[in-house]
PDB file of N, CA and C in Angstrom:
ATOM      1  N   MET A   1      47.799 199.516 157.706  1.00  0.00           N
ATOM      2  CA  MET A   1      48.955 199.481 158.378  1.00  0.00           C
ATOM      3  C   MET A   1      49.216 200.732 158.042  1.00  0.00           C
ATOM      4  N   ASN A   2      49.484 201.399 159.586  1.00  0.00           N
ATOM      5  CA  ASN A   2      50.158 202.986 159.205  1.00  0.00           C
ATOM      6  C   ASN A   2      51.077 202.459 159.129  1.00  0.00           C
ATOM      7  N   TRP A   3      51.973 203.701 159.091  1.00  0.00           N
ATOM      8  CA  TRP A   3      53.824 203.815 158.670  1.00  0.00           C
ATOM      9  C   TRP A   3      54.092 203.948 159.357  1.00  0.00           C
ATOM     10  N   GLU A   4      54.581 203.892 161.240  1.00  0.00           N
ATOM     11  CA  GLU A   4      55.273 203.203 161.923  1.00  0.00           C
ATOM     12  C   GLU A   4      55.404 201.049 161.079  1.00  0.00           C
ATOM     13  N   GLU A   5      54.434 201.022 160.864  1.00  0.00           N
ATOM     14  CA  GLU A   5      53.933 199.244 161.340  1.00  0.00           C
ATOM     15  C   GLU A   5      54.383 199.405 159.388  1.00  0.00           C
ATOM     16  N   ARG A   6      54.297 200.016 158.663  1.00  0.00           N
ATOM     17  CA  ARG A   6      55.075 199.259 157.807  1.00  0.00           C
ATOM     18  C   ARG A   6      56.491 199.792 157.894  1.00  0.00           C
ATOM     19  N   ILE A   7      56.731 200.227 158.575  1.00  0.00           N
ATOM     20  CA  ILE A   7      58.912 201.148 158.300  1.00  0.00           C
ATOM     21  C   ILE A   7      59.306 199.439 159.384  1.00  0.00           C
ATOM     22  N   GLU A   8      58.882 199.476 160.782  1.00  0.00           N
ATOM     23  CA  GLU A   8      59.067 198.515 161.815  1.00  0.00           C
ATOM     24  C   GLU A   8      58.921 197.101 160.794  1.00  0.00           C
ATOM     25  N   ARG A   9      58.522 196.844 159.898  1.00  0.00           N
ATOM     26  CA  ARG A   9      58.049 195.543 158.507  1.00  0.00           C
ATOM     27  C   ARG A   9      59.509 195.756 157.877  1.00  0.00           C
ATOM     28  N   LEU A  10      59.298 197.494 157.536  1.00  0.00           N
ATOM     29  CA  LEU A  10      60.316 197.253 156.701  1.00  0.00           C
ATOM     30  C   LEU A  10      62.110 196.604 157.174  1.00  0.00           C
ATOM     31  N   GLU A  11      62.271 197.454 158.023  1.00  0.00           N
ATOM     32  CA  GLU A  11      63.545 197.555 159.237  1.00  0.00           C
ATOM     33  C   GLU A  11      63.771 196.022 159.379  1.00  0.00           C
ATOM     34  N   MET A  12      62.215 195.002 159.739  1.00  0.00           N
ATOM     35  CA  MET A  12      62.924 193.994 159.926  1.00  0.00           C
ATOM     36  C   MET A  12      63.572 193.053 158.769  1.00  0.00           C
ATOM     37  N   GLU A  13      62.935 192.882 157.425  1.00  0.00           N
ATOM     38  CA  GLU A  13      63.041 192.292 156.132  1.00  0.00           C
ATOM     39  C   GLU A  13      64.791 193.156 155.606  1.00  0.00           C
ATOM     40  N   LEU A  14      64.980 194.432 156.365  1.00  0.00           N
ATOM     41  CA  LEU A  14      66.580 195.110 155.515  1.00  0.00           C
ATOM     42  C   LEU A  14      67.299 194.017 156.844  1.00  0.00           C
ATOM     43  N   ALA A  15      66.951 193.896 157.700  1.00  0.00           N
ATOM     44  CA  ALA A  15      68.406 193.152 159.324  1.00  0.00           C
ATOM     45  C   ALA A  15      68.619 191.791 158.063  1.00  0.00           C
ATOM     46  N   HIS A  16      67.307 191.315 157.311  1.00  0.00           N
ATOM     47  CA  HIS A  16      67.036 189.690 157.553  1.00  0.00           C
ATOM     48  C   HIS A  16      68.270 189.893 156.269  1.00  0.00           C
ATOM     49  N   GLN A  17      67.779 191.066 154.928  1.00  0.00           N
ATOM     50  CA  GLN A  17      68.635 190.427 154.067  1.00  0.00           C
ATOM     51  C   GLN A  17      70.159 190.780 154.434  1.00  0.00           C
ATOM     52  N   GLN A  18      69.731 191.908 155.485  1.00  0.00           N
ATOM     53  CA  GLN A  18      71.668 192.365 155.926  1.00  0.00           C
ATOM     54  C   GLN A  18      72.401 190.457 155.891  1.00  0.00           C
ATOM     55  N   ARG A  19      71.339 190.513 157.341  1.00  0.00           N
ATOM     56  CA  ARG A  19      72.643 188.853 157.991  1.00  0.00           C
ATOM     57  C   ARG A  19      72.621 187.587 156.704  1.00  0.00           C
ATOM     58  N   THR A  20      71.546 187.928 155.993  1.00  0.00           N
ATOM     59  CA  THR A  20      71.949 186.997 154.652  1.00  0.00           C
ATOM     60  C   THR A  20      73.310 186.952 153.585  1.00  0.00           C
ATOM     61  N   THR A  21      72.436 188.141 153.386  1.00  0.00           N
ATOM     62  CA  THR A  21      73.968 188.570 153.199  1.00  0.00           C
ATOM     63  C   THR A  21      75.340 188.525 153.574  1.00  0.00           C
ATOM     64  N   ASP A  22      75.138 188.590 154.564  1.00  0.00           N
ATOM     65  CA  ASP A  22      76.847 188.563 155.601  1.00  0.00           C
ATOM     66  C   ASP A  22      76.889 187.032 155.196  1.00  0.00           C
ATOM     67  N   GLN A  23      76.157 186.234 155.179  1.00  0.00           N
ATOM     68  CA  GLN A  23      76.661 184.642 155.475  1.00  0.00           C
ATOM     69  C   GLN A  23      77.286 184.140 154.028  1.00  0.00           C
ATOM     70  N   LEU A  24      76.392 184.899 152.590  1.00  0.00           N
ATOM     71  CA  LEU A  24      77.053 184.598 151.504  1.00  0.00           C
ATOM     72  C   LEU A  24      77.939 185.416 150.976  1.00  0.00           C
ATOM     73  N   ASN A  25      78.603 186.336 152.219  1.00  0.00           N
ATOM     74  CA  ASN A  25      79.600 187.019 151.528  1.00  0.00           C
ATOM     75  C   ASN A  25      80.567 186.070 152.298  1.00  0.00           C
ATOM     76  N   GLN A  26      80.707 185.678 153.825  1.00  0.00           N
ATOM     77  CA  GLN A  26      81.459 184.603 154.653  1.00  0.00           C
ATOM     78  C   GLN A  26      81.862 183.100 153.231  1.00  0.00           C
ATOM     79  N   ALA A  27      80.533 182.352 153.088  1.00  0.00           N
ATOM     80  CA  ALA A  27      80.591 181.532 152.717  1.00  0.00           C
ATOM     81  C   ALA A  27      81.321 181.854 151.078  1.00  0.00           C
ATOM     82  N   VAL A  28      80.966 182.876 150.542  1.00  0.00           N
ATOM     83  CA  VAL A  28      82.389 183.257 148.888  1.00  0.00           C
ATOM     84  C   VAL A  28      83.564 182.739 149.744  1.00  0.00           C
ATOM     85  N   SER A  29      83.853 183.687 150.619  1.00  0.00           N
ATOM     86  CA  SER A  29      85.243 184.019 151.465  1.00  0.00           C
ATOM     87  C   SER A  29      86.105 182.384 151.583  1.00  0.00           C
ATOM     88  N   GLU A  30      85.825 181.358 151.835  1.00  0.00           N
ATOM     89  CA  GLU A  30      85.892 180.362 152.774  1.00  0.00           C
ATOM     90  C   GLU A  30      85.916 179.064 150.839  1.00  0.00           C
ATOM     91  N   GLN A  31      85.057 179.606 150.180  1.00  0.00           N
ATOM     92  CA  GLN A  31      85.257 179.429 148.864  1.00  0.00           C
ATOM     93  C   GLN A  31      86.279 179.148 148.219  1.00  0.00           C
ATOM     94  N   SER A  32      86.576 180.836 147.909  1.00  0.00           N
ATOM     95  CA  SER A  32      88.147 181.658 147.690  1.00  0.00           C
ATOM     96  C   SER A  32      88.901 180.480 148.930  1.00  0.00           C
ATOM     97  N   LEU A  33      89.278 181.011 149.832  1.00  0.00           N
ATOM     98  CA  LEU A  33      90.108 180.232 150.343  1.00  0.00           C
ATOM     99  C   LEU A  33      91.041 178.085 149.431  1.00  0.00           C
ATOM    100  N   ASP A  34      89.645 177.615 149.609  1.00  0.00           N
ATOM    101  CA  ASP A  34      89.752 176.565 149.333  1.00  0.00           C
ATOM    102  C   ASP A  34      90.335 176.283 148.081  1.00  0.00           C
ATOM    103  N   LEU A  35      89.196 177.133 147.563  1.00  0.00           N
ATOM    104  CA  LEU A  35      90.601 177.106 145.918  1.00  0.00           C
ATOM    105  C   LEU A  35      91.605 177.641 145.790  1.00  0.00           C
ATOM    106  N   LEU A  36      92.035 178.786 146.702  1.00  0.00           N
ATOM    107  CA  LEU A  36      93.032 178.623 146.495  1.00  0.00           C
ATOM    108  C   LEU A  36      94.397 177.490 146.671  1.00  0.00           C
ATOM    109  N   ARG A  37      93.620 177.433 147.997  1.00  0.00           N
ATOM    110  CA  ARG A  37      94.867 175.669 148.821  1.00  0.00           C
ATOM    111  C   ARG A  37      94.524 174.762 147.414  1.00  0.00           C
ATOM    112  N   LEU A  38      93.636 174.823 146.687  1.00  0.00           N
ATOM    113  CA  LEU A  38      93.583 173.667 145.526  1.00  0.00           C
ATOM    114  C   LEU A  38      95.016 173.701 144.176  1.00  0.00           C
ATOM    115  N   ARG A  39      93.886 174.733 144.014  1.00  0.00           N
ATOM    116  CA  ARG A  39      95.332 175.550 143.357  1.00  0.00           C
ATOM    117  C   ARG A  39      96.605 174.698 143.417  1.00  0.00           C
ATOM    118  N   ARG A  40      96.370 175.607 144.065  1.00  0.00           N
ATOM    119  CA  ARG A  40      97.832 174.959 143.970  1.00  0.00           C
ATOM    120  C   ARG A  40      98.579 173.517 145.267  1.00  0.00           C
ATOM    121  N   THR A  41      98.216 172.805 145.819  1.00  0.00           N
ATOM    122  CA  THR A  41      97.984 171.678 145.513  1.00  0.00           C
ATOM    123  C   THR A  41      98.251 170.702 144.149  1.00  0.00           C
ATOM    124  N   ILE A  42      97.568 172.160 143.226  1.00  0.00           N
ATOM    125  CA  ILE A  42      97.829 171.143 141.908  1.00  0.00           C
ATOM    126  C   ILE A  42      98.799 171.245 140.891  1.00  0.00           C
ATOM    127  N   ASP A  43      99.069 172.453 140.938  1.00  0.00           N
ATOM    128  CA  ASP A  43     100.665 172.944 141.065  1.00  0.00           C
ATOM    129  C   ASP A  43     101.201 172.241 141.774  1.00  0.00           C
ATOM    130  N   ARG A  44     101.798 171.575 142.903  1.00  0.00           N
ATOM    131  CA  ARG A  44     102.658 171.004 143.366  1.00  0.00           C
ATOM    132  C   ARG A  44     102.687 169.665 143.120  1.00  0.00           C
ATOM    133  N   LEU A  45     101.219 169.211 142.750  1.00  0.00           N
ATOM    134  CA  LEU A  45     101.165 167.824 141.987  1.00  0.00           C
ATOM    135  C   LEU A  45     102.055 168.320 139.709  1.00  0.00           C
ATOM    136  N   ALA A  46     101.456 168.857 139.919  1.00  0.00           N
ATOM    137  CA  ALA A  46     101.630 168.362 137.893  1.00  0.00           C
ATOM    138  C   ALA A  46     103.040 169.199 138.752  1.00  0.00           C
ATOM    139  N   LYS A  47     103.682 170.026 139.298  1.00  0.00           N
ATOM    140  CA  LYS A  47     105.659 169.669 139.148  1.00  0.00           C
ATOM    141  C   LYS A  47     106.573 168.628 139.446  1.00  0.00           C
ATOM    142  N   ARG A  48     105.464 167.497 140.229  1.00  0.00           N
ATOM    143  CA  ARG A  48     105.639 166.188 141.063  1.00  0.00           C
ATOM    144  C   ARG A  48     105.871 165.579 140.134  1.00  0.00           C
ATOM    145  N   VAL A  49     104.954 165.104 139.186  1.00  0.00           N
ATOM    146  CA  VAL A  49     104.761 164.535 137.876  1.00  0.00           C
ATOM    147  C   VAL A  49     106.264 164.684 137.084  1.00  0.00           C
ATOM    148  N   ASP A  50     105.872 165.544 136.810  1.00  0.00           N
ATOM    149  CA  ASP A  50     106.904 166.228 135.700  1.00  0.00           C
ATOM    150  C   ASP A  50     108.219 165.622 136.440  1.00  0.00           C
ATOM    151  N   GLU A  51     108.163 166.106 137.607  1.00  0.00           N
ATOM    152  CA  GLU A  51     109.604 165.485 137.892  1.00  0.00           C
ATOM    153  C   GLU A  51     109.993 164.134 137.689  1.00  0.00           C
ATOM    154  N   LEU A  52     109.480 163.555 138.198  1.00  0.00           N
ATOM    155  CA  LEU A  52     108.978 161.886 138.310  1.00  0.00           C
ATOM    156  C   LEU A  52     109.298 161.785 136.933  1.00  0.00           C
ATOM    157  N   ALA A  53     108.813 162.701 135.230  1.00  0.00           N
ATOM    158  CA  ALA A  53     108.825 161.916 134.025  1.00  0.00           C
ATOM    159  C   ALA A  53     110.373 162.507 133.554  1.00  0.00           C
ATOM    160  N   THR A  54     110.923 163.446 133.955  1.00  0.00           N
ATOM    161  CA  THR A  54     112.432 163.506 133.514  1.00  0.00           C
ATOM    162  C   THR A  54     112.754 162.404 134.205  1.00  0.00           C
ATOM    163  N   LYS A  55     112.398 161.648 136.081  1.00  0.00           N
ATOM    164  CA  LYS A  55     113.380 161.057 135.505  1.00  0.00           C
ATOM    165  C   LYS A  55     113.247 159.210 135.783  1.00  0.00           C
ATOM    166  N   SER A  56     112.475 159.733 135.203  1.00  0.00           N
ATOM    167  CA  SER A  56     112.363 157.968 134.563  1.00  0.00           C
ATOM    168  C   SER A  56     113.681 157.186 134.020  1.00  0.00           C
ATOM    169  N   ASP A  57     113.647 155.384 134.867  1.00  0.00           N
ATOM    170  CA  ASP A  57     115.505 155.488 134.190  1.00  0.00           C
ATOM    171  C   ASP A  57     114.791 154.894 133.620  1.00  0.00           C
ATOM    172  N   THR A  58     113.729 154.588 132.565  1.00  0.00           N
ATOM    173  CA  THR A  58     113.476 153.873 131.348  1.00  0.00           C
ATOM    174  C   THR A  58     114.275 154.527 129.725  1.00  0.00           C
ATOM    175  N   SER A  59     114.434 154.385 129.079  1.00  0.00           N
ATOM    176  CA  SER A  59     114.444 155.191 127.595  1.00  0.00           C
ATOM    177  C   SER A  59     113.593 155.439 127.715  1.00  0.00           C
ATOM    178  N   GLU A  60     112.614 154.994 127.251  1.00  0.00           N
ATOM    179  CA  GLU A  60     111.379 155.311 126.518  1.00  0.00           C
ATOM    180  C   GLU A  60     111.011 156.211 126.921  1.00  0.00           C
ATOM    181  N   PRO A  61     110.480 157.239 126.701  1.00  0.00           N
ATOM    182  CA  PRO A  61     108.915 158.070 127.045  1.00  0.00           C
ATOM    183  C   PRO A  61     107.737 158.067 127.645  1.00  0.00           C
ATOM    184  N   LEU A  62     107.834 158.284 127.897  1.00  0.00           N
ATOM    185  CA  LEU A  62     106.063 158.347 129.373  1.00  0.00           C
ATOM    186  C   LEU A  62     104.857 158.530 128.542  1.00  0.00           C
ATOM    187  N   PRO A  63     103.933 157.158 128.462  1.00  0.00           N
ATOM    188  CA  PRO A  63     102.755 157.431 128.281  1.00  0.00           C
ATOM    189  C   PRO A  63     102.571 159.203 128.387  1.00  0.00           C
ATOM    190  N   ASP A  64     101.648 159.140 127.505  1.00  0.00           N
ATOM    191  CA  ASP A  64     100.542 160.743 127.867  1.00  0.00           C
ATOM    192  C   ASP A  64      99.132 160.177 128.681  1.00  0.00           C
ATOM    193  N   ILE A  65      99.201 160.557 130.158  1.00  0.00           N
ATOM    194  CA  ILE A  65      98.152 159.718 131.069  1.00  0.00           C
ATOM    195  C   ILE A  65      97.204 160.539 130.512  1.00  0.00           C
ATOM    196  N   VAL A  66      96.818 161.635 129.391  1.00  0.00           N
ATOM    197  CA  VAL A  66      95.531 162.455 129.167  1.00  0.00           C
ATOM    198  C   VAL A  66      95.118 161.284 128.439  1.00  0.00           C
ATOM    199  N   ASP A  67      96.064 160.972 127.768  1.00  0.00           N
ATOM    200  CA  ASP A  67      94.873 161.145 126.462  1.00  0.00           C
ATOM    201  C   ASP A  67      94.852 158.595 126.564  1.00  0.00           C
ATOM    202  N   GLU A  68      95.035 158.430 127.120  1.00  0.00           N
ATOM    203  CA  GLU A  68      95.010 157.259 127.569  1.00  0.00           C
ATOM    204  C   GLU A  68      93.951 156.932 128.171  1.00  0.00           C
ATOM    205  N   LYS A  69      92.929 155.886 127.751  1.00  0.00           N
ATOM    206  CA  LYS A  69      91.222 155.563 128.070  1.00  0.00           C
ATOM    207  C   LYS A  69      91.860 154.349 128.992  1.00  0.00           C
ATOM    208  N   PRO A  70      91.325 154.367 130.873  1.00  0.00           N
ATOM    209  CA  PRO A  70      91.039 153.707 131.043  1.00  0.00           C
ATOM    210  C   PRO A  70      90.611 152.226 131.519  1.00  0.00           C
ATOM    211  N   PRO A  71      91.639 151.358 131.576  1.00  0.00           N
ATOM    212  CA  PRO A  71      91.055 149.962 131.425  1.00  0.00           C
ATOM    213  C   PRO A  71      90.392 149.135 131.131  1.00  0.00           C
ATOM    214  N   HIS A  72      88.611 150.111 131.746  1.00  0.00           N
ATOM    215  CA  HIS A  72      87.512 149.143 131.769  1.00  0.00           C
ATOM    216  C   HIS A  72      87.031 149.696 130.587  1.00  0.00           C
ATOM    217  N   TYR A  73      88.188 150.202 129.816  1.00  0.00           N
ATOM    218  CA  TYR A  73      86.818 150.700 127.776  1.00  0.00           C
ATOM    219  C   TYR A  73      87.803 149.571 127.469  1.00  0.00           C
TER     220      TYR A  73
END
């Protein structure tokens, strides 16, 4: 294999790696946006749960559902 062939092969490998890096960067960017949307949704839901807990009609405090076992246990 002469130098020209080796250089050409290296250039092709570099182009492939650059394309792969670009694809990975795109995937990470999309996941970052998805994570941000999910965090905002969770924050809104947590705020709504807090609002519902404080507006409860009963004088009894609402149970802490985090420690509550599901019905099938």
